[in-house]
Amino acid sequence: MFCADNRFPYNSGVPKATHDYISTTEAGEILGISRQRVLKFVQEGRLKAIKVANVYLIKKRDLADVKDRKPGRPTKSKSRRK
């Protein structure tokens, strides 16, 4: 198959990119949390991500950084409770 002007074939030996990156939605599905929570992890610096055109991309191997976290909300300190 060739492009519109028939000079360059589409599959001209260019290697395909490996899909090491996933979206925040996919990361949330893998971790069992919402997309918003994944974004919070990124903003807090707990999860590495790169931003490309207003979309965060996360390496699959970086999910291990937040995979083993405590479930639920953090407990409040006793001094704040009344």
PDB file of N, CA and C in Angstrom:
ATOM      1  N   MET A   1       0.840  -1.175   0.000  1.00  0.00           N
ATOM      2  CA  MET A   1       0.000   0.000   0.000  1.00  0.00           C
ATOM      3  C   MET A   1       0.887   1.240   0.000  1.00  0.00           C
ATOM      4  N   PHE A   2       0.534   2.230  -0.773  1.00  0.00           N
ATOM      5  CA  PHE A   2       1.332   3.439  -0.908  1.00  0.00           C
ATOM      6  C   PHE A   2       0.548   4.657  -0.443  1.00  0.00           C
ATOM      7  N   CYS A   3       1.298   5.729  -0.125  1.00  0.00           N
ATOM      8  CA  CYS A   3       0.633   6.971   0.274  1.00  0.00           C
ATOM      9  C   CYS A   3       0.038   7.647  -0.955  1.00  0.00           C
ATOM     10  N   ALA A   4      -0.588   8.774  -0.781  1.00  0.00           N
ATOM     11  CA  ALA A   4      -1.354   9.426  -1.838  1.00  0.00           C
ATOM     12  C   ALA A   4      -0.531   9.713  -3.090  1.00  0.00           C
ATOM     13  N   ASP A   5       0.742  10.078  -2.944  1.00  0.00           N
ATOM     14  CA  ASP A   5       1.525  10.408  -4.135  1.00  0.00           C
ATOM     15  C   ASP A   5       2.372   9.225  -4.624  1.00  0.00           C
ATOM     16  N   ASN A   6       2.167   8.031  -4.042  1.00  0.00           N
ATOM     17  CA  ASN A   6       2.789   6.774  -4.456  1.00  0.00           C
ATOM     18  C   ASN A   6       4.311   6.766  -4.361  1.00  0.00           C
ATOM     19  N   ARG A   7       4.899   7.637  -3.564  1.00  0.00           N
ATOM     20  CA  ARG A   7       6.355   7.633  -3.425  1.00  0.00           C
ATOM     21  C   ARG A   7       6.825   6.723  -2.300  1.00  0.00           C
ATOM     22  N   PHE A   8       6.109   6.700  -1.186  1.00  0.00           N
ATOM     23  CA  PHE A   8       6.569   5.958  -0.018  1.00  0.00           C
ATOM     24  C   PHE A   8       5.519   4.948   0.425  1.00  0.00           C
ATOM     25  N   PRO A   9       5.913   3.707   0.537  1.00  0.00           N
ATOM     26  CA  PRO A   9       4.956   2.730   1.059  1.00  0.00           C
ATOM     27  C   PRO A   9       4.750   2.951   2.550  1.00  0.00           C
ATOM     28  N   TYR A  10       3.563   2.658   3.031  1.00  0.00           N
ATOM     29  CA  TYR A  10       3.254   2.830   4.451  1.00  0.00           C
ATOM     30  C   TYR A  10       4.130   1.944   5.322  1.00  0.00           C
ATOM     31  N   ASN A  11       4.314   0.715   4.950  1.00  0.00           N
ATOM     32  CA  ASN A  11       5.109  -0.223   5.728  1.00  0.00           C
ATOM     33  C   ASN A  11       6.504  -0.335   5.122  1.00  0.00           C
ATOM     34  N   SER A  12       7.277   0.716   5.234  1.00  0.00           N
ATOM     35  CA  SER A  12       8.592   0.744   4.601  1.00  0.00           C
ATOM     36  C   SER A  12       9.709   0.337   5.548  1.00  0.00           C
ATOM     37  N   GLY A  13       9.468  -0.611   6.422  1.00  0.00           N
ATOM     38  CA  GLY A  13      10.515  -1.103   7.296  1.00  0.00           C
ATOM     39  C   GLY A  13      10.703  -0.303   8.569  1.00  0.00           C
ATOM     40  N   VAL A  14       9.801   0.597   8.875  1.00  0.00           N
ATOM     41  CA  VAL A  14       9.886   1.355  10.117  1.00  0.00           C
ATOM     42  C   VAL A  14       9.415   0.454  11.243  1.00  0.00           C
ATOM     43  N   PRO A  15      10.251   0.272  12.271  1.00  0.00           N
ATOM     44  CA  PRO A  15       9.818  -0.627  13.349  1.00  0.00           C
ATOM     45  C   PRO A  15       8.629  -0.045  14.112  1.00  0.00           C
ATOM     46  N   LYS A  16       7.749  -0.919  14.544  1.00  0.00           N
ATOM     47  CA  LYS A  16       6.585  -0.488  15.320  1.00  0.00           C
ATOM     48  C   LYS A  16       7.021  -0.167  16.737  1.00  0.00           C
ATOM     49  N   ALA A  17       6.383   0.818  17.317  1.00  0.00           N
ATOM     50  CA  ALA A  17       6.684   1.205  18.701  1.00  0.00           C
ATOM     51  C   ALA A  17       6.114   0.160  19.644  1.00  0.00           C
ATOM     52  N   THR A  18       6.870  -0.142  20.667  1.00  0.00           N
ATOM     53  CA  THR A  18       6.347  -1.041  21.690  1.00  0.00           C
ATOM     54  C   THR A  18       5.489  -0.211  22.636  1.00  0.00           C
ATOM     55  N   HIS A  19       4.444  -0.783  23.117  1.00  0.00           N
ATOM     56  CA  HIS A  19       3.497  -0.049  23.956  1.00  0.00           C
ATOM     57  C   HIS A  19       3.861  -0.224  25.427  1.00  0.00           C
ATOM     58  N   ASP A  20       4.844   0.546  25.861  1.00  0.00           N
ATOM     59  CA  ASP A  20       5.257   0.516  27.253  1.00  0.00           C
ATOM     60  C   ASP A  20       4.424   1.468  28.097  1.00  0.00           C
ATOM     61  N   TYR A  21       3.744   2.405  27.455  1.00  0.00           N
ATOM     62  CA  TYR A  21       2.992   3.426  28.173  1.00  0.00           C
ATOM     63  C   TYR A  21       1.504   3.124  28.140  1.00  0.00           C
ATOM     64  N   ILE A  22       0.839   3.487  29.231  1.00  0.00           N
ATOM     65  CA  ILE A  22      -0.611   3.323  29.305  1.00  0.00           C
ATOM     66  C   ILE A  22      -1.229   4.634  29.767  1.00  0.00           C
ATOM     67  N   SER A  23      -2.526   4.764  29.583  1.00  0.00           N
ATOM     68  CA  SER A  23      -3.243   5.971  29.993  1.00  0.00           C
ATOM     69  C   SER A  23      -3.581   5.894  31.476  1.00  0.00           C
ATOM     70  N   THR A  24      -4.049   7.009  32.004  1.00  0.00           N
ATOM     71  CA  THR A  24      -4.466   7.028  33.408  1.00  0.00           C
ATOM     72  C   THR A  24      -5.690   6.143  33.627  1.00  0.00           C
ATOM     73  N   THR A  25      -6.549   6.038  32.633  1.00  0.00           N
ATOM     74  CA  THR A  25      -7.723   5.176  32.739  1.00  0.00           C
ATOM     75  C   THR A  25      -7.299   3.714  32.830  1.00  0.00           C
ATOM     76  N   GLU A  26      -6.357   3.306  31.960  1.00  0.00           N
ATOM     77  CA  GLU A  26      -5.865   1.928  31.994  1.00  0.00           C
ATOM     78  C   GLU A  26      -5.136   1.640  33.299  1.00  0.00           C
ATOM     79  N   ALA A  27      -4.368   2.612  33.784  1.00  0.00           N
ATOM     80  CA  ALA A  27      -3.656   2.436  35.057  1.00  0.00           C
ATOM     81  C   ALA A  27      -4.649   2.252  36.196  1.00  0.00           C
ATOM     82  N   GLY A  28      -5.724   3.018  36.181  1.00  0.00           N
ATOM     83  CA  GLY A  28      -6.752   2.891  37.205  1.00  0.00           C
ATOM     84  C   GLY A  28      -7.410   1.527  37.184  1.00  0.00           C
ATOM     85  N   GLU A  29      -7.667   1.005  35.985  1.00  0.00           N
ATOM     86  CA  GLU A  29      -8.279  -0.321  35.871  1.00  0.00           C
ATOM     87  C   GLU A  29      -7.343  -1.401  36.412  1.00  0.00           C
ATOM     88  N   ILE A  30      -6.053  -1.281  36.121  1.00  0.00           N
ATOM     89  CA  ILE A  30      -5.073  -2.260  36.595  1.00  0.00           C
ATOM     90  C   ILE A  30      -4.951  -2.203  38.114  1.00  0.00           C
ATOM     91  N   LEU A  31      -4.915  -0.984  38.668  1.00  0.00           N
ATOM     92  CA  LEU A  31      -4.744  -0.814  40.112  1.00  0.00           C
ATOM     93  C   LEU A  31      -6.042  -0.971  40.896  1.00  0.00           C
ATOM     94  N   GLY A  32      -7.181  -0.939  40.207  1.00  0.00           N
ATOM     95  CA  GLY A  32      -8.468  -1.052  40.881  1.00  0.00           C
ATOM     96  C   GLY A  32      -8.899   0.239  41.557  1.00  0.00           C
ATOM     97  N   ILE A  33      -8.489   1.369  40.980  1.00  0.00           N
ATOM     98  CA  ILE A  33      -8.847   2.685  41.512  1.00  0.00           C
ATOM     99  C   ILE A  33      -9.369   3.557  40.372  1.00  0.00           C
ATOM    100  N   SER A  34      -9.877   4.720  40.701  1.00  0.00           N
ATOM    101  CA  SER A  34     -10.418   5.611  39.686  1.00  0.00           C
ATOM    102  C   SER A  34      -9.300   6.350  38.946  1.00  0.00           C
ATOM    103  N   ARG A  35      -9.653   6.877  37.797  1.00  0.00           N
ATOM    104  CA  ARG A  35      -8.708   7.669  37.006  1.00  0.00           C
ATOM    105  C   ARG A  35      -8.283   8.909  37.777  1.00  0.00           C
ATOM    106  N   GLN A  36      -9.208   9.501  38.513  1.00  0.00           N
ATOM    107  CA  GLN A  36      -8.904  10.693  39.299  1.00  0.00           C
ATOM    108  C   GLN A  36      -7.875  10.392  40.384  1.00  0.00           C
ATOM    109  N   ARG A  37      -7.970   9.208  40.976  1.00  0.00           N
ATOM    110  CA  ARG A  37      -7.006   8.819  42.008  1.00  0.00           C
ATOM    111  C   ARG A  37      -5.620   8.627  41.400  1.00  0.00           C
ATOM    112  N   VAL A  38      -5.561   8.077  40.191  1.00  0.00           N
ATOM    113  CA  VAL A  38      -4.282   7.934  39.487  1.00  0.00           C
ATOM    114  C   VAL A  38      -3.682   9.319  39.240  1.00  0.00           C
ATOM    115  N   LEU A  39      -4.515  10.264  38.808  1.00  0.00           N
ATOM    116  CA  LEU A  39      -4.033  11.631  38.587  1.00  0.00           C
ATOM    117  C   LEU A  39      -3.514  12.248  39.882  1.00  0.00           C
ATOM    118  N   LYS A  40      -4.172  11.957  40.985  1.00  0.00           N
ATOM    119  CA  LYS A  40      -3.729  12.450  42.294  1.00  0.00           C
ATOM    120  C   LYS A  40      -2.344  11.887  42.633  1.00  0.00           C
ATOM    121  N   PHE A  41      -2.134  10.603  42.378  1.00  0.00           N
ATOM    122  CA  PHE A  41      -0.821   9.988  42.601  1.00  0.00           C
ATOM    123  C   PHE A  41       0.252  10.681  41.762  1.00  0.00           C
ATOM    124  N   VAL A  42      -0.086  11.006  40.528  1.00  0.00           N
ATOM    125  CA  VAL A  42       0.860  11.687  39.635  1.00  0.00           C
ATOM    126  C   VAL A  42       1.173  13.075  40.182  1.00  0.00           C
ATOM    127  N   GLN A  43       0.150  13.822  40.583  1.00  0.00           N
ATOM    128  CA  GLN A  43       0.341  15.177  41.101  1.00  0.00           C
ATOM    129  C   GLN A  43       1.127  15.178  42.404  1.00  0.00           C
ATOM    130  N   GLU A  44       0.953  14.147  43.233  1.00  0.00           N
ATOM    131  CA  GLU A  44       1.680  14.039  44.499  1.00  0.00           C
ATOM    132  C   GLU A  44       3.112  13.559  44.300  1.00  0.00           C
ATOM    133  N   GLY A  45       3.438  13.092  43.091  1.00  0.00           N
ATOM    134  CA  GLY A  45       4.774  12.591  42.818  1.00  0.00           C
ATOM    135  C   GLY A  45       4.971  11.142  43.220  1.00  0.00           C
ATOM    136  N   ARG A  46       3.899  10.464  43.574  1.00  0.00           N
ATOM    137  CA  ARG A  46       3.984   9.053  43.980  1.00  0.00           C
ATOM    138  C   ARG A  46       4.031   8.118  42.777  1.00  0.00           C
ATOM    139  N   LEU A  47       3.618   8.613  41.601  1.00  0.00           N
ATOM    140  CA  LEU A  47       3.596   7.822  40.385  1.00  0.00           C
ATOM    141  C   LEU A  47       4.211   8.656  39.266  1.00  0.00           C
ATOM    142  N   LYS A  48       5.225   8.108  38.613  1.00  0.00           N
ATOM    143  CA  LYS A  48       5.889   8.816  37.522  1.00  0.00           C
ATOM    144  C   LYS A  48       4.998   8.793  36.285  1.00  0.00           C
ATOM    145  N   ALA A  49       4.976   9.918  35.574  1.00  0.00           N
ATOM    146  CA  ALA A  49       4.210  10.010  34.331  1.00  0.00           C
ATOM    147  C   ALA A  49       4.784  11.127  33.487  1.00  0.00           C
ATOM    148  N   ILE A  50       4.544  11.048  32.186  1.00  0.00           N
ATOM    149  CA  ILE A  50       4.916  12.140  31.303  1.00  0.00           C
ATOM    150  C   ILE A  50       3.629  12.712  30.712  1.00  0.00           C
ATOM    151  N   LYS A  51       3.654  14.010  30.456  1.00  0.00           N
ATOM    152  CA  LYS A  51       2.467  14.664  29.924  1.00  0.00           C
ATOM    153  C   LYS A  51       2.702  14.993  28.461  1.00  0.00           C
ATOM    154  N   VAL A  52       1.825  14.495  27.608  1.00  0.00           N
ATOM    155  CA  VAL A  52       1.901  14.746  26.177  1.00  0.00           C
ATOM    156  C   VAL A  52       0.548  15.272  25.727  1.00  0.00           C
ATOM    157  N   ALA A  53       0.519  16.530  25.319  1.00  0.00           N
ATOM    158  CA  ALA A  53      -0.714  17.148  24.810  1.00  0.00           C
ATOM    159  C   ALA A  53      -1.890  16.966  25.767  1.00  0.00           C
ATOM    160  N   ASN A  54      -1.709  17.354  27.023  1.00  0.00           N
ATOM    161  CA  ASN A  54      -2.745  17.289  28.056  1.00  0.00           C
ATOM    162  C   ASN A  54      -3.172  15.868  28.429  1.00  0.00           C
ATOM    163  N   VAL A  55      -2.353  14.886  28.119  1.00  0.00           N
ATOM    164  CA  VAL A  55      -2.626  13.499  28.477  1.00  0.00           C
ATOM    165  C   VAL A  55      -1.412  12.956  29.216  1.00  0.00           C
ATOM    166  N   TYR A  56      -1.649  12.330  30.364  1.00  0.00           N
ATOM    167  CA  TYR A  56      -0.556  11.703  31.098  1.00  0.00           C
ATOM    168  C   TYR A  56      -0.365  10.278  30.605  1.00  0.00           C
ATOM    169  N   LEU A  57       0.898   9.907  30.372  1.00  0.00           N
ATOM    170  CA  LEU A  57       1.254   8.550  29.991  1.00  0.00           C
ATOM    171  C   LEU A  57       2.133   7.966  31.077  1.00  0.00           C
ATOM    172  N   ILE A  58       1.828   6.734  31.460  1.00  0.00           N
ATOM    173  CA  ILE A  58       2.501   6.083  32.574  1.00  0.00           C
ATOM    174  C   ILE A  58       3.131   4.793  32.069  1.00  0.00           C
ATOM    175  N   LYS A  59       4.378   4.554  32.451  1.00  0.00           N
ATOM    176  CA  LYS A  59       5.019   3.291  32.098  1.00  0.00           C
ATOM    177  C   LYS A  59       4.400   2.184  32.940  1.00  0.00           C
ATOM    178  N   LYS A  60       4.160   1.052  32.312  1.00  0.00           N
ATOM    179  CA  LYS A  60       3.538  -0.076  33.022  1.00  0.00           C
ATOM    180  C   LYS A  60       4.373  -0.491  34.230  1.00  0.00           C
ATOM    181  N   ARG A  61       5.693  -0.478  34.083  1.00  0.00           N
ATOM    182  CA  ARG A  61       6.549  -0.936  35.186  1.00  0.00           C
ATOM    183  C   ARG A  61       6.512   0.018  36.378  1.00  0.00           C
ATOM    184  N   ASP A  62       6.129   1.285  36.173  1.00  0.00           N
ATOM    185  CA  ASP A  62       6.048   2.241  37.270  1.00  0.00           C
ATOM    186  C   ASP A  62       4.821   2.026  38.154  1.00  0.00           C
ATOM    187  N   LEU A  63       3.877   1.214  37.705  1.00  0.00           N
ATOM    188  CA  LEU A  63       2.690   0.932  38.518  1.00  0.00           C
ATOM    189  C   LEU A  63       3.060   0.200  39.803  1.00  0.00           C
ATOM    190  N   ALA A  64       4.184  -0.491  39.786  1.00  0.00           N
ATOM    191  CA  ALA A  64       4.626  -1.218  40.981  1.00  0.00           C
ATOM    192  C   ALA A  64       4.905  -0.261  42.137  1.00  0.00           C
ATOM    193  N   ASP A  65       5.201   1.019  41.838  1.00  0.00           N
ATOM    194  CA  ASP A  65       5.482   2.007  42.879  1.00  0.00           C
ATOM    195  C   ASP A  65       4.274   2.258  43.778  1.00  0.00           C
ATOM    196  N   VAL A  66       3.083   2.108  43.249  1.00  0.00           N
ATOM    197  CA  VAL A  66       1.874   2.373  44.038  1.00  0.00           C
ATOM    198  C   VAL A  66       1.000   1.127  44.195  1.00  0.00           C
ATOM    199  N   LYS A  67       1.436   0.007  43.675  1.00  0.00           N
ATOM    200  CA  LYS A  67       0.642  -1.222  43.740  1.00  0.00           C
ATOM    201  C   LYS A  67       0.435  -1.689  45.177  1.00  0.00           C
ATOM    202  N   ASP A  68       1.489  -1.630  45.984  1.00  0.00           N
ATOM    203  CA  ASP A  68       1.409  -2.095  47.373  1.00  0.00           C
ATOM    204  C   ASP A  68       1.189  -0.914  48.316  1.00  0.00           C
ATOM    205  N   ARG A  69      -0.002  -0.386  48.301  1.00  0.00           N
ATOM    206  CA  ARG A  69      -0.336   0.748  49.163  1.00  0.00           C
ATOM    207  C   ARG A  69      -1.413   0.303  50.144  1.00  0.00           C
ATOM    208  N   LYS A  70      -1.547   1.048  51.211  1.00  0.00           N
ATOM    209  CA  LYS A  70      -2.587   0.733  52.184  1.00  0.00           C
ATOM    210  C   LYS A  70      -3.946   1.105  51.589  1.00  0.00           C
ATOM    211  N   PRO A  71      -4.937   0.252  51.724  1.00  0.00           N
ATOM    212  CA  PRO A  71      -6.260   0.571  51.187  1.00  0.00           C
ATOM    213  C   PRO A  71      -6.981   1.598  52.057  1.00  0.00           C
ATOM    214  N   GLY A  72      -7.872   2.333  51.455  1.00  0.00           N
ATOM    215  CA  GLY A  72      -8.706   3.273  52.204  1.00  0.00           C
ATOM    216  C   GLY A  72      -8.040   4.598  52.466  1.00  0.00           C
ATOM    217  N   ARG A  73      -8.723   5.388  53.264  1.00  0.00           N
ATOM    218  CA  ARG A  73      -8.228   6.721  53.604  1.00  0.00           C
ATOM    219  C   ARG A  73      -7.196   6.649  54.717  1.00  0.00           C
ATOM    220  N   PRO A  74      -6.275   7.612  54.727  1.00  0.00           N
ATOM    221  CA  PRO A  74      -5.336   7.643  55.848  1.00  0.00           C
ATOM    222  C   PRO A  74      -6.061   7.999  57.142  1.00  0.00           C
ATOM    223  N   THR A  75      -5.595   7.467  58.245  1.00  0.00           N
ATOM    224  CA  THR A  75      -6.237   7.758  59.523  1.00  0.00           C
ATOM    225  C   THR A  75      -5.859   9.148  60.000  1.00  0.00           C
ATOM    226  N   LYS A  76      -6.788   9.786  60.689  1.00  0.00           N
ATOM    227  CA  LYS A  76      -6.525  11.107  61.244  1.00  0.00           C
ATOM    228  C   LYS A  76      -5.708  10.953  62.514  1.00  0.00           C
ATOM    229  N   SER A  77      -4.877  11.945  62.779  1.00  0.00           N
ATOM    230  CA  SER A  77      -4.097  11.867  64.018  1.00  0.00           C
ATOM    231  C   SER A  77      -5.027  12.068  65.212  1.00  0.00           C
ATOM    232  N   LYS A  78      -4.703  11.474  66.337  1.00  0.00           N
ATOM    233  CA  LYS A  78      -5.567  11.531  67.522  1.00  0.00           C
ATOM    234  C   LYS A  78      -5.680  12.932  68.095  1.00  0.00           C
ATOM    235  N   SER A  79      -4.659  13.765  67.866  1.00  0.00           N
ATOM    236  CA  SER A  79      -4.683  15.105  68.421  1.00  0.00           C
ATOM    237  C   SER A  79      -5.739  15.984  67.725  1.00  0.00           C
ATOM    238  N   ARG A  80      -6.116  15.637  66.512  1.00  0.00           N
ATOM    239  CA  ARG A  80      -7.110  16.418  65.793  1.00  0.00           C
ATOM    240  C   ARG A  80      -8.545  15.998  66.117  1.00  0.00           C
ATOM    241  N   ARG A  81      -8.725  14.795  66.608  1.00  0.00           N
ATOM    242  CA  ARG A  81     -10.073  14.323  66.921  1.00  0.00           C
ATOM    243  C   ARG A  81     -10.613  15.007  68.159  1.00  0.00           C
ATOM    244  N   LYS A  82     -11.884  15.301  68.141  1.00  0.00           N
ATOM    245  CA  LYS A  82     -12.515  15.931  69.308  1.00  0.00           C
ATOM    246  C   LYS A  82     -13.701  15.152  69.742  1.00  0.00           C
TER     247      LYS A  82
END
